[in-house]
PDB file of N, CA and C in Angstrom:
ATOM      1  N   MET A   1      21.745  74.909 182.384  1.00  0.00           N
ATOM      2  CA  MET A   1      23.009  74.584 183.021  1.00  0.00           C
ATOM      3  C   MET A   1      24.165  75.364 182.370  1.00  0.00           C
ATOM      4  N   LYS A   2      24.056  75.536 181.055  1.00  0.00           N
ATOM      5  CA  LYS A   2      25.115  76.245 180.360  1.00  0.00           C
ATOM      6  C   LYS A   2      25.197  77.680 180.859  1.00  0.00           C
ATOM      7  N   ALA A   3      24.053  78.304 181.085  1.00  0.00           N
ATOM      8  CA  ALA A   3      24.042  79.705 181.555  1.00  0.00           C
ATOM      9  C   ALA A   3      24.675  79.820 182.928  1.00  0.00           C
ATOM     10  N   ILE A   4      24.385  78.868 183.832  1.00  0.00           N
ATOM     11  CA  ILE A   4      24.958  78.896 185.170  1.00  0.00           C
ATOM     12  C   ILE A   4      26.468  78.679 185.089  1.00  0.00           C
ATOM     13  N   ARG A   5      26.907  77.709 184.256  1.00  0.00           N
ATOM     14  CA  ARG A   5      28.318  77.417 184.120  1.00  0.00           C
ATOM     15  C   ARG A   5      29.066  78.641 183.563  1.00  0.00           C
ATOM     16  N   LEU A   6      28.517  79.261 182.522  1.00  0.00           N
ATOM     17  CA  LEU A   6      29.181  80.415 181.938  1.00  0.00           C
ATOM     18  C   LEU A   6      29.124  81.643 182.866  1.00  0.00           C
ATOM     19  N   SER A   7      28.076  81.756 183.658  1.00  0.00           N
ATOM     20  CA  SER A   7      27.988  82.862 184.637  1.00  0.00           C
ATOM     21  C   SER A   7      29.065  82.657 185.719  1.00  0.00           C
ATOM     22  N   ALA A   8      29.208  81.459 186.227  1.00  0.00           N
ATOM     23  CA  ALA A   8      30.233  81.186 187.229  1.00  0.00           C
ATOM     24  C   ALA A   8      31.636  81.429 186.660  1.00  0.00           C
ATOM     25  N   ALA A   9      31.830  80.993 185.431  1.00  0.00           N
ATOM     26  CA  ALA A   9      33.129  81.178 184.783  1.00  0.00           C
ATOM     27  C   ALA A   9      33.410  82.654 184.573  1.00  0.00           C
ATOM     28  N   GLY A  10      32.416  83.408 184.105  1.00  0.00           N
ATOM     29  CA  GLY A  10      32.594  84.839 183.893  1.00  0.00           C
ATOM     30  C   GLY A  10      32.838  85.602 185.186  1.00  0.00           C
ATOM     31  N   LEU A  11      32.133  85.241 186.239  1.00  0.00           N
ATOM     32  CA  LEU A  11      32.339  85.885 187.524  1.00  0.00           C
ATOM     33  C   LEU A  11      33.738  85.576 188.075  1.00  0.00           C
ATOM     34  N   LEU A  12      34.213  84.341 187.891  1.00  0.00           N
ATOM     35  CA  LEU A  12      35.573  84.012 188.331  1.00  0.00           C
ATOM     36  C   LEU A  12      36.623  84.753 187.517  1.00  0.00           C
ATOM     37  N   LEU A  13      36.403  84.866 186.214  1.00  0.00           N
ATOM     38  CA  LEU A  13      37.332  85.630 185.378  1.00  0.00           C
ATOM     39  C   LEU A  13      37.363  87.097 185.808  1.00  0.00           C
ATOM     40  N   PHE A  14      36.206  87.676 186.022  1.00  0.00           N
ATOM     41  CA  PHE A  14      36.109  89.073 186.457  1.00  0.00           C
ATOM     42  C   PHE A  14      36.785  89.262 187.837  1.00  0.00           C
ATOM     43  N   SER A  15      36.516  88.341 188.743  1.00  0.00           N
ATOM     44  CA  SER A  15      37.075  88.427 190.065  1.00  0.00           C
ATOM     45  C   SER A  15      38.605  88.242 190.043  1.00  0.00           C
ATOM     46  N   GLY A  16      39.063  87.356 189.182  1.00  0.00           N
ATOM     47  CA  GLY A  16      40.508  87.162 189.009  1.00  0.00           C
ATOM     48  C   GLY A  16      41.188  88.412 188.517  1.00  0.00           C
ATOM     49  N   VAL A  17      40.622  89.035 187.515  1.00  0.00           N
ATOM     50  CA  VAL A  17      41.209  90.273 186.989  1.00  0.00           C
ATOM     51  C   VAL A  17      41.122  91.369 188.052  1.00  0.00           C
ATOM     52  N   LEU A  18      40.012  91.455 188.744  1.00  0.00           N
ATOM     53  CA  LEU A  18      39.849  92.459 189.782  1.00  0.00           C
ATOM     54  C   LEU A  18      40.861  92.268 190.899  1.00  0.00           C
ATOM     55  N   HIS A  19      41.101  91.050 191.323  1.00  0.00           N
ATOM     56  CA  HIS A  19      42.136  90.778 192.329  1.00  0.00           C
ATOM     57  C   HIS A  19      43.501  91.219 191.836  1.00  0.00           C
ATOM     58  N   LEU A  20      43.823  90.875 190.590  1.00  0.00           N
ATOM     59  CA  LEU A  20      45.124  91.240 190.039  1.00  0.00           C
ATOM     60  C   LEU A  20      45.300  92.746 189.947  1.00  0.00           C
ATOM     61  N   VAL A  21      44.290  93.429 189.506  1.00  0.00           N
ATOM     62  CA  VAL A  21      44.360  94.890 189.385  1.00  0.00           C
ATOM     63  C   VAL A  21      44.509  95.558 190.753  1.00  0.00           C
ATOM     64  N   LEU A  22      43.722  95.091 191.704  1.00  0.00           N
ATOM     65  CA  LEU A  22      43.803  95.676 193.053  1.00  0.00           C
ATOM     66  C   LEU A  22      45.167  95.354 193.701  1.00  0.00           C
ATOM     67  N   ALA A  23      45.744  94.169 193.442  1.00  0.00           N
ATOM     68  CA  ALA A  23      47.028  93.820 193.991  1.00  0.00           C
ATOM     69  C   ALA A  23      48.145  94.662 193.338  1.00  0.00           C
ATOM     70  N   ILE A  24      48.092  94.819 192.044  1.00  0.00           N
ATOM     71  CA  ILE A  24      49.142  95.558 191.337  1.00  0.00           C
ATOM     72  C   ILE A  24      49.045  97.049 191.598  1.00  0.00           C
ATOM     73  N   LYS A  25      47.813  97.504 191.864  1.00  0.00           N
ATOM     74  CA  LYS A  25      47.608  98.935 192.107  1.00  0.00           C
ATOM     75  C   LYS A  25      48.322  99.392 193.408  1.00  0.00           C
ATOM     76  N   ASP A  26      48.358  98.535 194.388  1.00  0.00           N
ATOM     77  CA  ASP A  26      48.993  98.898 195.677  1.00  0.00           C
ATOM     78  C   ASP A  26      49.823  97.738 196.186  1.00  0.00           C
ATOM     79  N   PRO A  27      51.067  97.584 195.675  1.00  0.00           N
ATOM     80  CA  PRO A  27      51.895  96.447 196.104  1.00  0.00           C
ATOM     81  C   PRO A  27      52.381  96.542 197.560  1.00  0.00           C
ATOM     82  N   SER A  28      52.213  97.684 198.198  1.00  0.00           N
ATOM     83  CA  SER A  28      52.628  97.820 199.594  1.00  0.00           C
ATOM     84  C   SER A  28      51.531  97.312 200.553  1.00  0.00           C
ATOM     85  N   GLU A  29      50.367  96.975 200.007  1.00  0.00           N
ATOM     86  CA  GLU A  29      49.259  96.457 200.812  1.00  0.00           C
ATOM     87  C   GLU A  29      49.678  95.134 201.478  1.00  0.00           C
ATOM     88  N   PRO A  30      49.300  94.930 202.753  1.00  0.00           N
ATOM     89  CA  PRO A  30      49.706  93.712 203.434  1.00  0.00           C
ATOM     90  C   PRO A  30      49.124  92.445 202.801  1.00  0.00           C
ATOM     91  N   MET A  31      47.992  92.547 202.129  1.00  0.00           N
ATOM     92  CA  MET A  31      47.376  91.386 201.503  1.00  0.00           C
ATOM     93  C   MET A  31      47.773  91.246 200.030  1.00  0.00           C
ATOM     94  N   PHE A  32      48.882  91.867 199.615  1.00  0.00           N
ATOM     95  CA  PHE A  32      49.304  91.839 198.238  1.00  0.00           C
ATOM     96  C   PHE A  32      49.484  90.427 197.691  1.00  0.00           C
ATOM     97  N   VAL A  33      50.229  89.629 198.416  1.00  0.00           N
ATOM     98  CA  VAL A  33      50.528  88.264 197.952  1.00  0.00           C
ATOM     99  C   VAL A  33      49.265  87.422 197.840  1.00  0.00           C
ATOM    100  N   SER A  34      48.408  87.486 198.843  1.00  0.00           N
ATOM    101  CA  SER A  34      47.181  86.665 198.793  1.00  0.00           C
ATOM    102  C   SER A  34      46.258  87.159 197.680  1.00  0.00           C
ATOM    103  N   ALA A  35      46.169  88.462 197.476  1.00  0.00           N
ATOM    104  CA  ALA A  35      45.342  88.979 196.380  1.00  0.00           C
ATOM    105  C   ALA A  35      45.892  88.528 195.031  1.00  0.00           C
ATOM    106  N   LEU A  36      47.188  88.535 194.903  1.00  0.00           N
ATOM    107  CA  LEU A  36      47.825  88.096 193.642  1.00  0.00           C
ATOM    108  C   LEU A  36      47.566  86.604 193.415  1.00  0.00           C
ATOM    109  N   ILE A  37      47.741  85.820 194.432  1.00  0.00           N
ATOM    110  CA  ILE A  37      47.511  84.353 194.321  1.00  0.00           C
ATOM    111  C   ILE A  37      46.048  84.050 193.989  1.00  0.00           C
ATOM    112  N   PHE A  38      45.121  84.673 194.727  1.00  0.00           N
ATOM    113  CA  PHE A  38      43.713  84.451 194.468  1.00  0.00           C
ATOM    114  C   PHE A  38      43.315  84.939 193.062  1.00  0.00           C
ATOM    115  N   GLY A  39      43.920  86.031 192.614  1.00  0.00           N
ATOM    116  CA  GLY A  39      43.645  86.506 191.267  1.00  0.00           C
ATOM    117  C   GLY A  39      44.051  85.484 190.218  1.00  0.00           C
ATOM    118  N   ILE A  40      45.212  84.937 190.352  1.00  0.00           N
ATOM    119  CA  ILE A  40      45.672  83.927 189.392  1.00  0.00           C
ATOM    120  C   ILE A  40      44.826  82.657 189.437  1.00  0.00           C
ATOM    121  N   VAL A  41      44.511  82.215 190.680  1.00  0.00           N
ATOM    122  CA  VAL A  41      43.723  81.005 190.841  1.00  0.00           C
ATOM    123  C   VAL A  41      42.306  81.186 190.292  1.00  0.00           C
ATOM    124  N   TYR A  42      41.658  82.323 190.645  1.00  0.00           N
ATOM    125  CA  TYR A  42      40.324  82.577 190.180  1.00  0.00           C
ATOM    126  C   TYR A  42      40.248  82.659 188.645  1.00  0.00           C
ATOM    127  N   PHE A  43      41.217  83.349 188.045  1.00  0.00           N
ATOM    128  CA  PHE A  43      41.213  83.486 186.587  1.00  0.00           C
ATOM    129  C   PHE A  43      41.366  82.116 185.938  1.00  0.00           C
ATOM    130  N   THR A  44      42.296  81.308 186.492  1.00  0.00           N
ATOM    131  CA  THR A  44      42.508  79.965 185.953  1.00  0.00           C
ATOM    132  C   THR A  44      41.250  79.089 186.096  1.00  0.00           C
ATOM    133  N   LEU A  45      40.596  79.186 187.251  1.00  0.00           N
ATOM    134  CA  LEU A  45      39.375  78.428 187.454  1.00  0.00           C
ATOM    135  C   LEU A  45      38.262  78.889 186.506  1.00  0.00           C
ATOM    136  N   GLY A  46      38.183  80.158 186.260  1.00  0.00           N
ATOM    137  CA  GLY A  46      37.205  80.649 185.298  1.00  0.00           C
ATOM    138  C   GLY A  46      37.389  80.071 183.901  1.00  0.00           C
ATOM    139  N   VAL A  47      38.638  80.018 183.474  1.00  0.00           N
ATOM    140  CA  VAL A  47      38.949  79.424 182.168  1.00  0.00           C
ATOM    141  C   VAL A  47      38.627  77.933 182.176  1.00  0.00           C
ATOM    142  N   LEU A  48      38.968  77.230 183.226  1.00  0.00           N
ATOM    143  CA  LEU A  48      38.734  75.775 183.272  1.00  0.00           C
ATOM    144  C   LEU A  48      37.247  75.456 183.353  1.00  0.00           C
ATOM    145  N   ILE A  49      36.479  76.269 184.089  1.00  0.00           N
ATOM    146  CA  ILE A  49      35.038  76.020 184.128  1.00  0.00           C
ATOM    147  C   ILE A  49      34.413  76.295 182.751  1.00  0.00           C
ATOM    148  N   ALA A  50      34.876  77.283 182.092  1.00  0.00           N
ATOM    149  CA  ALA A  50      34.382  77.566 180.719  1.00  0.00           C
ATOM    150  C   ALA A  50      34.707  76.412 179.762  1.00  0.00           C
ATOM    151  N   MET A  51      35.828  75.728 180.047  1.00  0.00           N
ATOM    152  CA  MET A  51      36.229  74.566 179.225  1.00  0.00           C
ATOM    153  C   MET A  51      35.558  73.271 179.689  1.00  0.00           C
ATOM    154  N   LYS A  52      34.642  73.348 180.649  1.00  0.00           N
ATOM    155  CA  LYS A  52      33.851  72.219 181.157  1.00  0.00           C
ATOM    156  C   LYS A  52      34.692  71.184 181.881  1.00  0.00           C
ATOM    157  N   LYS A  53      35.676  71.610 182.617  1.00  0.00           N
ATOM    158  CA  LYS A  53      36.489  70.685 183.429  1.00  0.00           C
ATOM    159  C   LYS A  53      35.791  70.451 184.765  1.00  0.00           C
ATOM    160  N   ARG A  54      35.505  69.216 185.071  1.00  0.00           N
ATOM    161  CA  ARG A  54      34.732  68.854 186.285  1.00  0.00           C
ATOM    162  C   ARG A  54      35.452  69.244 187.565  1.00  0.00           C
ATOM    163  N   ILE A  55      36.763  69.042 187.622  1.00  0.00           N
ATOM    164  CA  ILE A  55      37.516  69.372 188.820  1.00  0.00           C
ATOM    165  C   ILE A  55      37.462  70.872 189.095  1.00  0.00           C
ATOM    166  N   ALA A  56      37.360  71.672 188.052  1.00  0.00           N
ATOM    167  CA  ALA A  56      37.288  73.128 188.220  1.00  0.00           C
ATOM    168  C   ALA A  56      35.981  73.543 188.921  1.00  0.00           C
ATOM    169  N   ILE A  57      34.915  72.801 188.662  1.00  0.00           N
ATOM    170  CA  ILE A  57      33.653  73.120 189.323  1.00  0.00           C
ATOM    171  C   ILE A  57      33.768  72.817 190.806  1.00  0.00           C
ATOM    172  N   TRP A  58      34.422  71.699 191.175  1.00  0.00           N
ATOM    173  CA  TRP A  58      34.644  71.401 192.566  1.00  0.00           C
ATOM    174  C   TRP A  58      35.522  72.465 193.214  1.00  0.00           C
ATOM    175  N   LEU A  59      36.612  72.846 192.544  1.00  0.00           N
ATOM    176  CA  LEU A  59      37.498  73.880 193.089  1.00  0.00           C
ATOM    177  C   LEU A  59      36.810  75.242 193.133  1.00  0.00           C
ATOM    178  N   GLY A  60      35.941  75.504 192.145  1.00  0.00           N
ATOM    179  CA  GLY A  60      35.165  76.756 192.137  1.00  0.00           C
ATOM    180  C   GLY A  60      34.186  76.793 193.284  1.00  0.00           C
ATOM    181  N   PHE A  61      33.779  75.646 193.786  1.00  0.00           N
ATOM    182  CA  PHE A  61      32.926  75.582 194.963  1.00  0.00           C
ATOM    183  C   PHE A  61      33.729  75.728 196.243  1.00  0.00           C
ATOM    184  N   ILE A  62      34.897  75.092 196.300  1.00  0.00           N
ATOM    185  CA  ILE A  62      35.685  75.046 197.560  1.00  0.00           C
ATOM    186  C   ILE A  62      36.510  76.295 197.786  1.00  0.00           C
ATOM    187  N   ILE A  63      37.259  76.738 196.792  1.00  0.00           N
ATOM    188  CA  ILE A  63      38.211  77.843 197.000  1.00  0.00           C
ATOM    189  C   ILE A  63      37.556  79.163 197.397  1.00  0.00           C
ATOM    190  N   PRO A  64      36.453  79.602 196.765  1.00  0.00           N
ATOM    191  CA  PRO A  64      35.863  80.863 197.209  1.00  0.00           C
ATOM    192  C   PRO A  64      35.240  80.780 198.611  1.00  0.00           C
ATOM    193  N   ILE A  65      35.018  79.590 199.151  1.00  0.00           N
ATOM    194  CA  ILE A  65      34.543  79.477 200.500  1.00  0.00           C
ATOM    195  C   ILE A  65      35.609  79.963 201.504  1.00  0.00           C
ATOM    196  N   ILE A  66      36.856  79.849 201.155  1.00  0.00           N
ATOM    197  CA  ILE A  66      37.948  80.248 202.050  1.00  0.00           C
ATOM    198  C   ILE A  66      37.825  81.728 202.469  1.00  0.00           C
ATOM    199  N   PRO A  67      37.790  82.680 201.498  1.00  0.00           N
ATOM    200  CA  PRO A  67      37.661  84.072 201.914  1.00  0.00           C
ATOM    201  C   PRO A  67      36.301  84.370 202.544  1.00  0.00           C
ATOM    202  N   LEU A  68      35.243  83.662 202.111  1.00  0.00           N
ATOM    203  CA  LEU A  68      33.932  83.881 202.695  1.00  0.00           C
ATOM    204  C   LEU A  68      33.937  83.439 204.167  1.00  0.00           C
ATOM    205  N   ALA A  69      34.595  82.353 204.471  1.00  0.00           N
ATOM    206  CA  ALA A  69      34.616  81.830 205.825  1.00  0.00           C
ATOM    207  C   ALA A  69      35.547  82.678 206.732  1.00  0.00           C
ATOM    208  N   LEU A  70      36.624  83.178 206.150  1.00  0.00           N
ATOM    209  CA  LEU A  70      37.589  83.909 206.956  1.00  0.00           C
ATOM    210  C   LEU A  70      37.246  85.410 207.116  1.00  0.00           C
ATOM    211  N   SER A  71      36.419  85.927 206.244  1.00  0.00           N
ATOM    212  CA  SER A  71      36.158  87.382 206.285  1.00  0.00           C
ATOM    213  C   SER A  71      35.531  87.829 207.600  1.00  0.00           C
ATOM    214  N   PRO A  72      34.668  87.065 208.285  1.00  0.00           N
ATOM    215  CA  PRO A  72      34.174  87.573 209.564  1.00  0.00           C
ATOM    216  C   PRO A  72      35.271  87.717 210.626  1.00  0.00           C
ATOM    217  N   PHE A  73      36.361  86.932 210.477  1.00  0.00           N
ATOM    218  CA  PHE A  73      37.424  86.966 211.465  1.00  0.00           C
ATOM    219  C   PHE A  73      38.537  87.949 211.101  1.00  0.00           C
ATOM    220  N   MET A  74      38.722  88.203 209.800  1.00  0.00           N
ATOM    221  CA  MET A  74      39.833  89.024 209.346  1.00  0.00           C
ATOM    222  C   MET A  74      39.435  90.443 208.956  1.00  0.00           C
ATOM    223  N   ALA A  75      38.176  90.674 208.643  1.00  0.00           N
ATOM    224  CA  ALA A  75      37.776  91.965 208.119  1.00  0.00           C
ATOM    225  C   ALA A  75      36.878  92.701 209.078  1.00  0.00           C
ATOM    226  N   ASP A  76      37.021  93.993 209.115  1.00  0.00           N
ATOM    227  CA  ASP A  76      36.095  94.832 209.843  1.00  0.00           C
ATOM    228  C   ASP A  76      35.066  95.321 208.838  1.00  0.00           C
ATOM    229  N   PHE A  77      33.844  94.817 208.944  1.00  0.00           N
ATOM    230  CA  PHE A  77      32.826  95.083 207.929  1.00  0.00           C
ATOM    231  C   PHE A  77      32.434  96.552 207.873  1.00  0.00           C
ATOM    232  N   LYS A  78      32.745  97.316 208.880  1.00  0.00           N
ATOM    233  CA  LYS A  78      32.451  98.744 208.879  1.00  0.00           C
ATOM    234  C   LYS A  78      33.405  99.513 208.005  1.00  0.00           C
ATOM    235  N   THR A  79      34.604  98.968 207.762  1.00  0.00           N
ATOM    236  CA  THR A  79      35.607  99.682 206.983  1.00  0.00           C
ATOM    237  C   THR A  79      35.848  99.074 205.596  1.00  0.00           C
ATOM    238  N   LEU A  80      35.101  98.073 205.234  1.00  0.00           N
ATOM    239  CA  LEU A  80      35.270  97.455 203.894  1.00  0.00           C
ATOM    240  C   LEU A  80      34.867  98.481 202.825  1.00  0.00           C
ATOM    241  N   ASP A  81      35.650  98.534 201.775  1.00  0.00           N
ATOM    242  CA  ASP A  81      35.245  99.422 200.656  1.00  0.00           C
ATOM    243  C   ASP A  81      34.362  98.665 199.697  1.00  0.00           C
ATOM    244  N   ALA A  82      33.871  99.382 198.701  1.00  0.00           N
ATOM    245  CA  ALA A  82      32.921  98.793 197.755  1.00  0.00           C
ATOM    246  C   ALA A  82      33.499  97.614 196.991  1.00  0.00           C
ATOM    247  N   TRP A  83      34.763  97.692 196.624  1.00  0.00           N
ATOM    248  CA  TRP A  83      35.387  96.591 195.861  1.00  0.00           C
ATOM    249  C   TRP A  83      35.433  95.305 196.670  1.00  0.00           C
ATOM    250  N   GLU A  84      35.716  95.426 197.963  1.00  0.00           N
ATOM    251  CA  GLU A  84      35.773  94.238 198.791  1.00  0.00           C
ATOM    252  C   GLU A  84      34.381  93.627 198.976  1.00  0.00           C
ATOM    253  N   TRP A  85      33.361  94.444 199.087  1.00  0.00           N
ATOM    254  CA  TRP A  85      31.979  93.925 199.156  1.00  0.00           C
ATOM    255  C   TRP A  85      31.623  93.228 197.833  1.00  0.00           C
ATOM    256  N   ILE A  86      32.052  93.815 196.711  1.00  0.00           N
ATOM    257  CA  ILE A  86      31.761  93.227 195.380  1.00  0.00           C
ATOM    258  C   ILE A  86      32.447  91.880 195.271  1.00  0.00           C
ATOM    259  N   ILE A  87      33.666  91.796 195.726  1.00  0.00           N
ATOM    260  CA  ILE A  87      34.428  90.558 195.644  1.00  0.00           C
ATOM    261  C   ILE A  87      33.753  89.474 196.523  1.00  0.00           C
ATOM    262  N   LEU A  88      33.327  89.831 197.709  1.00  0.00           N
ATOM    263  CA  LEU A  88      32.631  88.869 198.566  1.00  0.00           C
ATOM    264  C   LEU A  88      31.315  88.418 197.945  1.00  0.00           C
ATOM    265  N   ALA A  89      30.595  89.328 197.313  1.00  0.00           N
ATOM    266  CA  ALA A  89      29.321  88.974 196.656  1.00  0.00           C
ATOM    267  C   ALA A  89      29.585  88.023 195.458  1.00  0.00           C
ATOM    268  N   ILE A  90      30.640  88.321 194.713  1.00  0.00           N
ATOM    269  CA  ILE A  90      30.990  87.474 193.575  1.00  0.00           C
ATOM    270  C   ILE A  90      31.343  86.085 194.076  1.00  0.00           C
ATOM    271  N   ASP A  91      32.144  86.013 195.148  1.00  0.00           N
ATOM    272  CA  ASP A  91      32.517  84.712 195.705  1.00  0.00           C
ATOM    273  C   ASP A  91      31.273  83.906 196.114  1.00  0.00           C
ATOM    274  N   LEU A  92      30.321  84.567 196.745  1.00  0.00           N
ATOM    275  CA  LEU A  92      29.092  83.911 197.144  1.00  0.00           C
ATOM    276  C   LEU A  92      28.295  83.393 195.938  1.00  0.00           C
ATOM    277  N   LEU A  93      28.206  84.227 194.903  1.00  0.00           N
ATOM    278  CA  LEU A  93      27.483  83.794 193.701  1.00  0.00           C
ATOM    279  C   LEU A  93      28.172  82.623 192.973  1.00  0.00           C
ATOM    280  N   VAL A  94      29.517  82.654 192.992  1.00  0.00           N
ATOM    281  CA  VAL A  94      30.263  81.542 192.349  1.00  0.00           C
ATOM    282  C   VAL A  94      30.047  80.264 193.112  1.00  0.00           C
ATOM    283  N   VAL A  95      30.103  80.344 194.458  1.00  0.00           N
ATOM    284  CA  VAL A  95      29.883  79.140 195.292  1.00  0.00           C
ATOM    285  C   VAL A  95      28.504  78.572 195.013  1.00  0.00           C
ATOM    286  N   LEU A  96      27.487  79.439 194.990  1.00  0.00           N
ATOM    287  CA  LEU A  96      26.122  78.974 194.742  1.00  0.00           C
ATOM    288  C   LEU A  96      25.999  78.369 193.324  1.00  0.00           C
ATOM    289  N   GLY A  97      26.565  79.026 192.346  1.00  0.00           N
ATOM    290  CA  GLY A  97      26.511  78.523 190.965  1.00  0.00           C
ATOM    291  C   GLY A  97      27.176  77.165 190.832  1.00  0.00           C
ATOM    292  N   CYS A  98      28.354  77.022 191.428  1.00  0.00           N
ATOM    293  CA  CYS A  98      29.074  75.720 191.351  1.00  0.00           C
ATOM    294  C   CYS A  98      28.320  74.664 192.137  1.00  0.00           C
ATOM    295  N   LEU A  99      27.699  75.037 193.258  1.00  0.00           N
ATOM    296  CA  LEU A  99      26.887  74.076 194.009  1.00  0.00           C
ATOM    297  C   LEU A  99      25.725  73.583 193.183  1.00  0.00           C
ATOM    298  N   VAL A 100      25.053  74.462 192.464  1.00  0.00           N
ATOM    299  CA  VAL A 100      23.951  74.068 191.572  1.00  0.00           C
ATOM    300  C   VAL A 100      24.454  73.095 190.509  1.00  0.00           C
ATOM    301  N   LEU A 101      25.619  73.451 189.916  1.00  0.00           N
ATOM    302  CA  LEU A 101      26.170  72.585 188.862  1.00  0.00           C
ATOM    303  C   LEU A 101      26.521  71.197 189.421  1.00  0.00           C
ATOM    304  N   LEU A 102      27.065  71.147 190.605  1.00  0.00           N
ATOM    305  CA  LEU A 102      27.420  69.858 191.208  1.00  0.00           C
ATOM    306  C   LEU A 102      26.182  69.051 191.543  1.00  0.00           C
ATOM    307  N   ILE A 103      25.153  69.709 192.056  1.00  0.00           N
ATOM    308  CA  ILE A 103      23.911  68.987 192.397  1.00  0.00           C
ATOM    309  C   ILE A 103      23.214  68.469 191.148  1.00  0.00           C
ATOM    310  N   LYS A 104      23.092  69.305 190.137  1.00  0.00           N
ATOM    311  CA  LYS A 104      22.414  68.902 188.898  1.00  0.00           C
ATOM    312  C   LYS A 104      23.162  67.815 188.197  1.00  0.00           C
ATOM    313  N   ARG A 105      24.487  67.877 188.214  1.00  0.00           N
ATOM    314  CA  ARG A 105      25.276  66.865 187.515  1.00  0.00           C
ATOM    315  C   ARG A 105      25.259  65.536 188.244  1.00  0.00           C
ATOM    316  N   GLY A 106      25.063  65.580 189.571  1.00  0.00           N
ATOM    317  CA  GLY A 106      25.011  64.353 190.361  1.00  0.00           C
ATOM    318  C   GLY A 106      23.707  63.594 190.156  1.00  0.00           C
ATOM    319  N   LYS A 107      22.693  64.249 189.669  1.00  0.00           N
ATOM    320  CA  LYS A 107      21.378  63.557 189.491  1.00  0.00           C
ATOM    321  C   LYS A 107      21.303  62.805 188.179  1.00  0.00           C
TER     322      LYS A 107
END
């Protein structure tokens, strides 16, 4: 369980930093504000999951579902660059990791 928790925390920290770097790199991007907000939220969740905060595991499960659920409607998958695919993959891994933690902790 510790490995899954630390993996989810590390992926959220990495994704948070990645969102912040991508947002700061191109502030004229239309998604600048959302990338900045998600970067801060993901980084904070990564720290809280590493600190074993239960609410962070729930939020780590719920919040990454938002971009995963909206991406089929907002993104053209033919034009996504490698970083956006990486971010979506990280979101999926975090959701799965937090789901495992929630299921195991509930038993």
